[in-house]
Amino acid sequence: MLYLSDLRSYYLCCVPTDMRKGFDGLCGIVTSGLQMDALNEAVFIFFNRKRNQLKLLLWEGDGFAIYYKRLEKGTFEIPVANDGVSSVSITARQLQFILQGISLQTIQFRKRYKKAV
């Protein structure tokens, strides 16, 4: 079962991905395309060109897991990234919004107390 925690890092691949890729293919994209280590317990997020399919790749300590979602209607909204950037870091909350179909552009958070670090 997938649990989205703020303790993990989340990296969204900005380049459309072939959804036929499995564990080795996605790890290859992480290593060569994103220049990151697939074993660092981060969640790597991949979308197809149409943005109606999504795969999450994560290392669970003893092996990789892939979570796959295909929308029957509609598309996933992807955060805006600068040109030439291969990946974008997002939060667990942003990933949850993407999975639930909530528009990232119109979310407004109300003011809350946050302790200074």
N, C-alpha and C. Protein backbone atom coordinates (compact mmCIF):
# COMPACT_ATOMS: atom_id res chain seq x y z
N MET A 1 0.84 -1.18 0.00
CA MET A 1 0.00 0.00 0.00
C MET A 1 0.88 1.24 0.00
N LEU A 2 0.51 2.21 -0.78
CA LEU A 2 1.28 3.44 -0.89
C LEU A 2 0.90 4.40 0.22
N TYR A 3 1.89 4.87 0.94
CA TYR A 3 1.69 5.86 1.98
C TYR A 3 2.55 7.07 1.63
N LEU A 4 1.92 8.22 1.44
CA LEU A 4 2.63 9.44 1.09
C LEU A 4 3.01 10.18 2.37
N SER A 5 4.30 10.24 2.64
CA SER A 5 4.81 10.83 3.88
C SER A 5 5.67 12.05 3.56
N ASP A 6 5.62 13.03 4.42
CA ASP A 6 6.48 14.21 4.26
C ASP A 6 7.94 13.88 4.52
N LEU A 7 8.22 12.70 5.05
CA LEU A 7 9.60 12.29 5.32
C LEU A 7 10.33 11.84 4.06
N ARG A 8 9.59 11.55 3.01
CA ARG A 8 10.19 11.14 1.74
C ARG A 8 10.36 12.36 0.83
N SER A 9 11.23 12.20 -0.16
CA SER A 9 11.37 13.20 -1.22
C SER A 9 10.60 12.70 -2.43
N TYR A 10 10.05 13.62 -3.20
CA TYR A 10 9.25 13.29 -4.38
C TYR A 10 9.81 14.06 -5.57
N TYR A 11 10.18 13.32 -6.62
CA TYR A 11 10.75 13.94 -7.80
C TYR A 11 9.90 13.58 -9.02
N LEU A 12 9.44 14.62 -9.70
CA LEU A 12 8.61 14.44 -10.87
C LEU A 12 9.48 14.58 -12.11
N CYS A 13 9.49 13.57 -12.94
CA CYS A 13 10.25 13.59 -14.19
C CYS A 13 9.49 14.47 -15.19
N CYS A 14 10.15 15.49 -15.73
CA CYS A 14 9.51 16.46 -16.62
C CYS A 14 9.43 15.99 -18.07
N VAL A 15 10.11 14.93 -18.38
CA VAL A 15 10.11 14.40 -19.75
C VAL A 15 9.08 13.27 -19.84
N PRO A 16 8.19 13.28 -20.85
CA PRO A 16 7.21 12.19 -20.99
C PRO A 16 7.91 10.82 -21.05
N THR A 17 7.31 9.83 -20.41
CA THR A 17 7.91 8.50 -20.28
C THR A 17 7.05 7.45 -20.97
N ASP A 18 7.72 6.50 -21.60
CA ASP A 18 7.03 5.35 -22.20
C ASP A 18 6.51 4.47 -21.06
N MET A 19 5.21 4.31 -20.96
CA MET A 19 4.62 3.56 -19.85
C MET A 19 4.82 2.05 -19.97
N ARG A 20 5.46 1.58 -21.03
CA ARG A 20 5.80 0.17 -21.12
C ARG A 20 7.04 -0.16 -20.29
N LYS A 21 7.75 0.86 -19.84
CA LYS A 21 8.97 0.63 -19.06
C LYS A 21 8.62 0.04 -17.71
N GLY A 22 9.47 -0.89 -17.28
CA GLY A 22 9.30 -1.54 -15.99
C GLY A 22 10.34 -1.05 -15.01
N PHE A 23 10.68 -1.90 -14.06
CA PHE A 23 11.63 -1.53 -13.01
C PHE A 23 12.97 -1.06 -13.57
N ASP A 24 13.59 -1.86 -14.42
CA ASP A 24 14.92 -1.53 -14.93
C ASP A 24 14.89 -0.29 -15.81
N GLY A 25 13.88 -0.16 -16.65
CA GLY A 25 13.78 1.00 -17.53
C GLY A 25 13.59 2.30 -16.75
N LEU A 26 12.73 2.27 -15.74
CA LEU A 26 12.51 3.47 -14.93
C LEU A 26 13.74 3.80 -14.08
N CYS A 27 14.42 2.77 -13.56
CA CYS A 27 15.67 3.00 -12.81
C CYS A 27 16.72 3.63 -13.73
N GLY A 28 16.74 3.21 -14.98
CA GLY A 28 17.67 3.79 -15.96
C GLY A 28 17.39 5.26 -16.18
N ILE A 29 16.12 5.64 -16.24
CA ILE A 29 15.76 7.05 -16.40
C ILE A 29 16.21 7.85 -15.18
N VAL A 30 16.00 7.29 -13.99
CA VAL A 30 16.40 7.97 -12.76
C VAL A 30 17.91 8.19 -12.74
N THR A 31 18.67 7.14 -13.08
CA THR A 31 20.13 7.22 -13.00
C THR A 31 20.73 8.09 -14.10
N SER A 32 20.35 7.83 -15.34
CA SER A 32 20.99 8.56 -16.44
C SER A 32 20.27 9.86 -16.78
N GLY A 33 18.95 9.86 -16.78
CA GLY A 33 18.21 11.06 -17.17
C GLY A 33 18.11 12.10 -16.07
N LEU A 34 17.82 11.65 -14.84
CA LEU A 34 17.64 12.58 -13.73
C LEU A 34 18.92 12.78 -12.91
N GLN A 35 19.94 11.95 -13.17
CA GLN A 35 21.21 12.01 -12.45
C GLN A 35 21.02 11.83 -10.94
N MET A 36 20.18 10.86 -10.56
CA MET A 36 19.92 10.58 -9.14
C MET A 36 20.10 9.10 -8.87
N ASP A 37 20.14 8.76 -7.59
CA ASP A 37 20.26 7.37 -7.16
C ASP A 37 18.86 6.83 -6.88
N ALA A 38 18.47 5.79 -7.59
CA ALA A 38 17.14 5.20 -7.43
C ALA A 38 16.96 4.53 -6.07
N LEU A 39 18.05 4.27 -5.36
CA LEU A 39 17.99 3.59 -4.07
C LEU A 39 17.91 4.55 -2.88
N ASN A 40 17.65 5.83 -3.11
CA ASN A 40 17.67 6.78 -2.00
C ASN A 40 16.33 6.93 -1.29
N GLU A 41 15.42 6.00 -1.50
CA GLU A 41 14.11 5.96 -0.85
C GLU A 41 13.22 7.16 -1.18
N ALA A 42 13.49 7.80 -2.31
CA ALA A 42 12.61 8.86 -2.80
C ALA A 42 11.57 8.22 -3.72
N VAL A 43 10.53 8.96 -4.00
CA VAL A 43 9.50 8.52 -4.94
C VAL A 43 9.73 9.27 -6.24
N PHE A 44 9.84 8.53 -7.34
CA PHE A 44 10.05 9.12 -8.65
C PHE A 44 8.75 8.98 -9.44
N ILE A 45 8.29 10.09 -10.01
CA ILE A 45 6.98 10.16 -10.65
C ILE A 45 7.16 10.35 -12.15
N PHE A 46 6.49 9.51 -12.92
CA PHE A 46 6.59 9.54 -14.38
C PHE A 46 5.20 9.64 -14.99
N PHE A 47 5.07 10.45 -16.05
CA PHE A 47 3.82 10.59 -16.80
C PHE A 47 4.07 10.25 -18.25
N ASN A 48 3.01 9.80 -18.93
CA ASN A 48 3.12 9.61 -20.37
C ASN A 48 2.86 10.95 -21.08
N ARG A 49 3.00 10.96 -22.39
CA ARG A 49 2.86 12.20 -23.16
C ARG A 49 1.46 12.80 -23.04
N LYS A 50 0.42 11.95 -23.02
CA LYS A 50 -0.96 12.44 -22.92
C LYS A 50 -1.32 12.87 -21.50
N ARG A 51 -0.50 12.50 -20.52
CA ARG A 51 -0.72 12.78 -19.09
C ARG A 51 -1.99 12.12 -18.55
N ASN A 52 -2.34 10.96 -19.10
CA ASN A 52 -3.46 10.21 -18.55
C ASN A 52 -2.99 8.94 -17.85
N GLN A 53 -1.67 8.73 -17.82
CA GLN A 53 -1.09 7.59 -17.11
C GLN A 53 0.07 8.08 -16.25
N LEU A 54 0.24 7.44 -15.11
CA LEU A 54 1.26 7.83 -14.16
C LEU A 54 1.86 6.59 -13.53
N LYS A 55 3.18 6.62 -13.32
CA LYS A 55 3.86 5.55 -12.59
C LYS A 55 4.70 6.18 -11.50
N LEU A 56 4.68 5.55 -10.34
CA LEU A 56 5.53 5.95 -9.22
C LEU A 56 6.52 4.82 -8.98
N LEU A 57 7.78 5.15 -8.90
CA LEU A 57 8.83 4.16 -8.61
C LEU A 57 9.45 4.53 -7.27
N LEU A 58 9.52 3.54 -6.37
CA LEU A 58 10.17 3.80 -5.09
C LEU A 58 10.88 2.56 -4.58
N TRP A 59 11.97 2.82 -3.88
CA TRP A 59 12.75 1.78 -3.22
C TRP A 59 12.18 1.61 -1.82
N GLU A 60 11.81 0.39 -1.45
CA GLU A 60 11.20 0.13 -0.15
C GLU A 60 12.14 -0.55 0.83
N GLY A 61 13.43 -0.44 0.59
CA GLY A 61 14.40 -1.01 1.52
C GLY A 61 14.87 -2.39 1.12
N ASP A 62 13.98 -3.21 0.58
CA ASP A 62 14.36 -4.56 0.16
C ASP A 62 14.02 -4.83 -1.30
N GLY A 63 13.48 -3.83 -1.98
CA GLY A 63 13.14 -3.99 -3.39
C GLY A 63 12.36 -2.78 -3.88
N PHE A 64 12.20 -2.73 -5.19
CA PHE A 64 11.46 -1.63 -5.81
C PHE A 64 9.98 -1.95 -5.87
N ALA A 65 9.18 -0.90 -5.85
CA ALA A 65 7.74 -1.01 -6.05
C ALA A 65 7.35 -0.01 -7.13
N ILE A 66 6.42 -0.40 -7.97
CA ILE A 66 5.86 0.50 -8.98
C ILE A 66 4.37 0.59 -8.72
N TYR A 67 3.88 1.82 -8.65
CA TYR A 67 2.45 2.07 -8.55
C TYR A 67 2.03 2.73 -9.86
N TYR A 68 0.96 2.22 -10.44
CA TYR A 68 0.54 2.64 -11.78
C TYR A 68 -0.92 3.06 -11.74
N LYS A 69 -1.22 4.19 -12.35
CA LYS A 69 -2.60 4.65 -12.42
C LYS A 69 -2.88 5.14 -13.84
N ARG A 70 -4.00 4.69 -14.40
CA ARG A 70 -4.45 5.13 -15.72
C ARG A 70 -5.83 5.75 -15.56
N LEU A 71 -5.98 6.96 -16.03
CA LEU A 71 -7.27 7.63 -15.98
C LEU A 71 -8.12 7.20 -17.16
N GLU A 72 -9.38 6.91 -16.93
CA GLU A 72 -10.30 6.57 -18.00
C GLU A 72 -10.79 7.82 -18.71
N LYS A 73 -10.77 8.95 -18.00
CA LYS A 73 -11.20 10.21 -18.58
C LYS A 73 -10.42 11.32 -17.90
N GLY A 74 -9.98 12.32 -18.66
CA GLY A 74 -9.25 13.45 -18.10
C GLY A 74 -7.75 13.23 -18.11
N THR A 75 -7.04 14.21 -17.54
CA THR A 75 -5.58 14.17 -17.50
C THR A 75 -5.10 14.59 -16.11
N PHE A 76 -3.86 14.24 -15.83
CA PHE A 76 -3.20 14.69 -14.60
C PHE A 76 -2.63 16.08 -14.85
N GLU A 77 -2.70 16.94 -13.84
CA GLU A 77 -2.06 18.25 -13.95
C GLU A 77 -0.65 18.13 -13.41
N ILE A 78 0.30 18.66 -14.17
CA ILE A 78 1.70 18.61 -13.79
C ILE A 78 2.16 20.02 -13.42
N PRO A 79 2.92 20.17 -12.34
CA PRO A 79 3.42 21.51 -11.98
C PRO A 79 4.28 22.09 -13.10
N VAL A 80 4.24 23.39 -13.25
CA VAL A 80 5.01 24.08 -14.28
C VAL A 80 6.49 24.01 -13.92
N ALA A 81 7.31 23.65 -14.91
CA ALA A 81 8.76 23.55 -14.71
C ALA A 81 9.47 24.42 -15.73
N ASN A 82 10.66 24.87 -15.39
CA ASN A 82 11.47 25.66 -16.33
C ASN A 82 11.93 24.78 -17.48
N ASP A 83 12.14 25.38 -18.63
CA ASP A 83 12.63 24.64 -19.79
C ASP A 83 14.02 24.08 -19.51
N GLY A 84 14.26 22.87 -19.99
CA GLY A 84 15.55 22.23 -19.82
C GLY A 84 15.74 21.52 -18.50
N VAL A 85 14.77 21.61 -17.61
CA VAL A 85 14.86 20.94 -16.31
C VAL A 85 14.35 19.52 -16.46
N SER A 86 15.12 18.54 -15.97
CA SER A 86 14.72 17.14 -16.14
C SER A 86 13.78 16.65 -15.04
N SER A 87 13.84 17.29 -13.85
CA SER A 87 12.96 16.88 -12.77
C SER A 87 12.62 18.06 -11.87
N VAL A 88 11.50 17.91 -11.16
CA VAL A 88 11.04 18.93 -10.22
C VAL A 88 10.74 18.24 -8.91
N SER A 89 11.15 18.86 -7.82
CA SER A 89 10.85 18.33 -6.49
C SER A 89 9.47 18.83 -6.08
N ILE A 90 8.61 17.92 -5.62
CA ILE A 90 7.28 18.30 -5.15
C ILE A 90 7.07 17.72 -3.75
N THR A 91 6.00 18.12 -3.10
CA THR A 91 5.70 17.63 -1.76
C THR A 91 4.71 16.47 -1.84
N ALA A 92 4.57 15.77 -0.73
CA ALA A 92 3.60 14.67 -0.66
C ALA A 92 2.19 15.21 -0.88
N ARG A 93 1.91 16.38 -0.37
CA ARG A 93 0.59 16.99 -0.53
C ARG A 93 0.31 17.31 -1.99
N GLN A 94 1.31 17.84 -2.71
CA GLN A 94 1.13 18.12 -4.13
C GLN A 94 0.87 16.84 -4.92
N LEU A 95 1.59 15.77 -4.59
CA LEU A 95 1.35 14.49 -5.26
C LEU A 95 -0.06 13.99 -4.98
N GLN A 96 -0.51 14.14 -3.76
CA GLN A 96 -1.88 13.73 -3.41
C GLN A 96 -2.89 14.52 -4.24
N PHE A 97 -2.67 15.82 -4.38
CA PHE A 97 -3.56 16.66 -5.20
C PHE A 97 -3.56 16.19 -6.65
N ILE A 98 -2.39 15.87 -7.19
CA ILE A 98 -2.28 15.39 -8.57
C ILE A 98 -3.08 14.10 -8.73
N LEU A 99 -2.91 13.16 -7.80
CA LEU A 99 -3.61 11.87 -7.89
C LEU A 99 -5.12 12.02 -7.76
N GLN A 100 -5.58 13.01 -7.00
CA GLN A 100 -7.01 13.22 -6.78
C GLN A 100 -7.65 14.11 -7.83
N GLY A 101 -6.85 14.70 -8.72
CA GLY A 101 -7.40 15.54 -9.77
C GLY A 101 -7.69 16.96 -9.34
N ILE A 102 -7.05 17.42 -8.28
CA ILE A 102 -7.25 18.79 -7.80
C ILE A 102 -6.30 19.72 -8.55
N SER A 103 -6.82 20.86 -9.03
CA SER A 103 -6.01 21.82 -9.79
C SER A 103 -4.97 22.45 -8.88
N LEU A 104 -3.71 22.37 -9.28
CA LEU A 104 -2.62 22.93 -8.49
C LEU A 104 -2.57 24.45 -8.58
N GLN A 105 -3.16 25.02 -9.63
CA GLN A 105 -3.11 26.46 -9.84
C GLN A 105 -4.08 27.22 -8.94
N THR A 106 -5.18 26.59 -8.53
CA THR A 106 -6.22 27.32 -7.80
C THR A 106 -6.28 27.00 -6.31
N ILE A 107 -5.35 26.24 -5.81
CA ILE A 107 -5.35 25.90 -4.38
C ILE A 107 -4.92 27.12 -3.58
N GLN A 108 -5.69 27.43 -2.56
CA GLN A 108 -5.33 28.52 -1.66
C GLN A 108 -5.38 28.00 -0.23
N PHE A 109 -4.28 28.16 0.47
CA PHE A 109 -4.21 27.71 1.85
C PHE A 109 -4.47 28.90 2.78
N ARG A 110 -5.22 28.65 3.82
CA ARG A 110 -5.49 29.69 4.82
C ARG A 110 -4.30 29.80 5.76
N LYS A 111 -4.15 30.95 6.34
CA LYS A 111 -3.02 31.24 7.22
C LYS A 111 -3.07 30.35 8.46
N ARG A 112 -1.93 29.78 8.81
CA ARG A 112 -1.79 28.93 9.99
C ARG A 112 -0.48 29.25 10.69
N TYR A 113 -0.42 28.93 11.97
CA TYR A 113 0.79 29.11 12.74
C TYR A 113 1.83 28.08 12.33
N LYS A 114 3.06 28.53 12.19
CA LYS A 114 4.16 27.62 11.92
C LYS A 114 5.35 28.07 12.74
N LYS A 115 5.85 27.18 13.57
CA LYS A 115 6.97 27.50 14.46
C LYS A 115 8.22 27.77 13.64
N ALA A 116 8.92 28.84 13.98
CA ALA A 116 10.16 29.18 13.30
C ALA A 116 11.24 28.17 13.66
N VAL A 117 12.06 27.82 12.70
CA VAL A 117 13.10 26.81 12.92
C VAL A 117 14.37 27.45 13.36
